[in-house]
Amino acid sequence: MFRGFAQELGLDMAAFDAAYNDPATLERIKLDIADGTALGVQGTPTFFLDGERLQPRSYEDLTTALDQALQK
């Protein structure tokens, strides 16, 4: 699926395939997963503001939290 997206975007497919198949790519993914797990991320999107996890139920919840943080 991602290869198809890369082709549609006109990316250099040889470079894409090399990066995709590089073991370092899998290691970066594993590190990202471990970081997310340690932070309690269970899906996307997950929002953090000033080190605190937000759980907005609406766009207004999110903008209110951002506005309040900006006023500090």
N, C-alpha and C. Protein backbone atom coordinates (compact mmCIF):
# COMPACT_ATOMS: atom_id res chain seq x y z
N MET A 1 0.83 -1.19 0.00
CA MET A 1 0.00 0.00 0.00
C MET A 1 0.88 1.26 0.00
N PHE A 2 1.89 1.30 0.90
CA PHE A 2 2.73 2.49 0.98
C PHE A 2 3.56 2.67 -0.30
N ARG A 3 3.95 1.57 -0.91
CA ARG A 3 4.71 1.65 -2.16
C ARG A 3 3.84 2.31 -3.24
N GLY A 4 2.57 1.96 -3.26
CA GLY A 4 1.65 2.58 -4.21
C GLY A 4 1.54 4.08 -3.99
N PHE A 5 1.46 4.51 -2.72
CA PHE A 5 1.44 5.94 -2.41
C PHE A 5 2.72 6.60 -2.90
N ALA A 6 3.85 5.94 -2.65
CA ALA A 6 5.14 6.51 -3.06
C ALA A 6 5.19 6.68 -4.57
N GLN A 7 4.69 5.69 -5.29
CA GLN A 7 4.67 5.79 -6.75
C GLN A 7 3.78 6.94 -7.22
N GLU A 8 2.60 7.06 -6.59
CA GLU A 8 1.69 8.14 -6.96
C GLU A 8 2.31 9.51 -6.72
N LEU A 9 3.15 9.61 -5.69
CA LEU A 9 3.82 10.87 -5.37
C LEU A 9 5.03 11.13 -6.25
N GLY A 10 5.41 10.14 -7.04
CA GLY A 10 6.54 10.31 -7.94
C GLY A 10 7.89 10.20 -7.24
N LEU A 11 7.94 9.47 -6.13
CA LEU A 11 9.20 9.33 -5.40
C LEU A 11 10.17 8.43 -6.16
N ASP A 12 11.44 8.56 -5.83
CA ASP A 12 12.48 7.70 -6.38
C ASP A 12 12.25 6.31 -5.77
N MET A 13 11.74 5.38 -6.57
CA MET A 13 11.35 4.09 -6.04
C MET A 13 12.54 3.24 -5.60
N ALA A 14 13.68 3.39 -6.23
CA ALA A 14 14.87 2.66 -5.78
C ALA A 14 15.26 3.11 -4.38
N ALA A 15 15.23 4.41 -4.14
CA ALA A 15 15.56 4.95 -2.82
C ALA A 15 14.49 4.54 -1.81
N PHE A 16 13.22 4.59 -2.23
CA PHE A 16 12.14 4.17 -1.33
C PHE A 16 12.31 2.72 -0.91
N ASP A 17 12.54 1.84 -1.88
CA ASP A 17 12.70 0.42 -1.58
C ASP A 17 13.90 0.18 -0.67
N ALA A 18 14.99 0.89 -0.92
CA ALA A 18 16.18 0.73 -0.09
C ALA A 18 15.89 1.15 1.35
N ALA A 19 15.21 2.27 1.53
CA ALA A 19 14.88 2.75 2.88
C ALA A 19 13.87 1.82 3.54
N TYR A 20 12.90 1.36 2.79
CA TYR A 20 11.85 0.48 3.33
C TYR A 20 12.44 -0.84 3.81
N ASN A 21 13.39 -1.36 3.07
CA ASN A 21 13.98 -2.66 3.39
C ASN A 21 15.19 -2.58 4.33
N ASP A 22 15.62 -1.38 4.66
CA ASP A 22 16.77 -1.20 5.55
C ASP A 22 16.38 -1.59 6.98
N PRO A 23 17.15 -2.48 7.62
CA PRO A 23 16.84 -2.85 9.01
C PRO A 23 16.79 -1.65 9.96
N ALA A 24 17.51 -0.58 9.64
CA ALA A 24 17.48 0.61 10.49
C ALA A 24 16.09 1.24 10.51
N THR A 25 15.35 1.11 9.43
CA THR A 25 13.98 1.64 9.38
C THR A 25 13.10 0.91 10.38
N LEU A 26 13.20 -0.40 10.42
CA LEU A 26 12.42 -1.19 11.38
C LEU A 26 12.81 -0.82 12.81
N GLU A 27 14.07 -0.59 13.06
CA GLU A 27 14.52 -0.20 14.41
C GLU A 27 13.93 1.15 14.81
N ARG A 28 13.89 2.11 13.87
CA ARG A 28 13.28 3.41 14.16
C ARG A 28 11.80 3.25 14.49
N ILE A 29 11.13 2.39 13.76
CA ILE A 29 9.71 2.14 14.02
C ILE A 29 9.52 1.54 15.40
N LYS A 30 10.35 0.56 15.75
CA LYS A 30 10.26 -0.06 17.07
C LYS A 30 10.50 0.95 18.18
N LEU A 31 11.45 1.87 17.99
CA LEU A 31 11.69 2.91 18.99
C LEU A 31 10.49 3.84 19.12
N ASP A 32 9.90 4.21 18.00
CA ASP A 32 8.71 5.07 18.04
C ASP A 32 7.56 4.38 18.78
N ILE A 33 7.38 3.09 18.53
CA ILE A 33 6.32 2.35 19.21
C ILE A 33 6.59 2.30 20.71
N ALA A 34 7.84 2.05 21.08
CA ALA A 34 8.20 1.99 22.50
C ALA A 34 7.98 3.35 23.17
N ASP A 35 8.36 4.42 22.49
CA ASP A 35 8.13 5.77 23.04
C ASP A 35 6.65 6.03 23.24
N GLY A 36 5.85 5.70 22.24
CA GLY A 36 4.41 5.90 22.34
C GLY A 36 3.80 5.09 23.46
N THR A 37 4.22 3.84 23.58
CA THR A 37 3.71 2.97 24.64
C THR A 37 4.06 3.54 26.01
N ALA A 38 5.28 4.01 26.17
CA ALA A 38 5.72 4.58 27.45
C ALA A 38 4.91 5.82 27.82
N LEU A 39 4.44 6.54 26.81
CA LEU A 39 3.65 7.75 27.05
C LEU A 39 2.15 7.48 27.16
N GLY A 40 1.76 6.24 26.97
CA GLY A 40 0.34 5.90 27.06
C GLY A 40 -0.43 6.12 25.78
N VAL A 41 0.27 6.27 24.68
CA VAL A 41 -0.40 6.47 23.39
C VAL A 41 -1.00 5.14 22.96
N GLN A 42 -2.29 5.18 22.66
CA GLN A 42 -2.99 3.96 22.24
C GLN A 42 -3.49 4.06 20.81
N GLY A 43 -3.31 5.19 20.19
CA GLY A 43 -3.76 5.37 18.82
C GLY A 43 -3.44 6.77 18.35
N THR A 44 -3.82 7.04 17.13
CA THR A 44 -3.61 8.37 16.59
C THR A 44 -4.96 8.95 16.19
N PRO A 45 -5.14 10.22 16.32
CA PRO A 45 -4.16 11.14 16.91
C PRO A 45 -4.20 11.09 18.44
N THR A 46 -3.08 11.34 19.05
CA THR A 46 -2.97 11.54 20.48
C THR A 46 -2.32 12.90 20.69
N PHE A 47 -2.88 13.70 21.55
CA PHE A 47 -2.41 15.06 21.76
C PHE A 47 -1.76 15.22 23.12
N PHE A 48 -0.64 15.93 23.14
CA PHE A 48 0.02 16.30 24.39
C PHE A 48 0.20 17.81 24.39
N LEU A 49 -0.01 18.42 25.54
CA LEU A 49 0.16 19.86 25.68
C LEU A 49 0.86 20.11 27.00
N ASP A 50 2.02 20.74 26.95
CA ASP A 50 2.82 21.00 28.14
C ASP A 50 3.07 19.72 28.94
N GLY A 51 3.33 18.62 28.24
CA GLY A 51 3.64 17.36 28.89
C GLY A 51 2.45 16.58 29.38
N GLU A 52 1.27 17.11 29.20
CA GLU A 52 0.05 16.43 29.66
C GLU A 52 -0.71 15.89 28.46
N ARG A 53 -1.22 14.68 28.61
CA ARG A 53 -2.01 14.09 27.54
C ARG A 53 -3.41 14.70 27.55
N LEU A 54 -3.84 15.15 26.40
CA LEU A 54 -5.19 15.70 26.26
C LEU A 54 -6.10 14.63 25.69
N GLN A 55 -7.34 14.66 26.10
CA GLN A 55 -8.34 13.76 25.53
C GLN A 55 -9.56 14.57 25.11
N PRO A 56 -9.35 15.43 24.11
CA PRO A 56 -10.48 16.27 23.68
C PRO A 56 -11.57 15.43 23.03
N ARG A 57 -12.80 15.81 23.33
CA ARG A 57 -13.94 15.11 22.73
C ARG A 57 -14.49 15.88 21.54
N SER A 58 -13.99 17.10 21.38
CA SER A 58 -14.45 17.91 20.26
C SER A 58 -13.34 18.88 19.86
N TYR A 59 -13.53 19.50 18.73
CA TYR A 59 -12.60 20.53 18.27
C TYR A 59 -12.55 21.67 19.28
N GLU A 60 -13.69 22.00 19.85
CA GLU A 60 -13.76 23.09 20.83
C GLU A 60 -12.95 22.75 22.08
N ASP A 61 -12.99 21.49 22.52
CA ASP A 61 -12.18 21.08 23.67
C ASP A 61 -10.69 21.33 23.39
N LEU A 62 -10.28 20.98 22.20
CA LEU A 62 -8.88 21.14 21.83
C LEU A 62 -8.49 22.61 21.75
N THR A 63 -9.31 23.42 21.09
CA THR A 63 -8.97 24.85 20.97
C THR A 63 -9.01 25.55 22.32
N THR A 64 -9.93 25.15 23.20
CA THR A 64 -9.98 25.74 24.53
C THR A 64 -8.70 25.43 25.30
N ALA A 65 -8.25 24.20 25.23
CA ALA A 65 -7.02 23.81 25.93
C ALA A 65 -5.83 24.58 25.37
N LEU A 66 -5.76 24.74 24.06
CA LEU A 66 -4.66 25.50 23.45
C LEU A 66 -4.73 26.96 23.86
N ASP A 67 -5.91 27.55 23.82
CA ASP A 67 -6.05 28.95 24.21
C ASP A 67 -5.65 29.17 25.66
N GLN A 68 -6.05 28.27 26.54
CA GLN A 68 -5.69 28.39 27.95
C GLN A 68 -4.18 28.28 28.15
N ALA A 69 -3.55 27.39 27.42
CA ALA A 69 -2.09 27.23 27.52
C ALA A 69 -1.37 28.48 27.02
N LEU A 70 -1.91 29.09 25.99
CA LEU A 70 -1.28 30.30 25.43
C LEU A 70 -1.41 31.49 26.37
N GLN A 71 -2.43 31.50 27.22
CA GLN A 71 -2.65 32.59 28.14
C GLN A 71 -1.73 32.51 29.36
N LYS A 72 -1.10 31.37 29.57
CA LYS A 72 -0.21 31.19 30.74
C LYS A 72 1.11 31.88 30.52
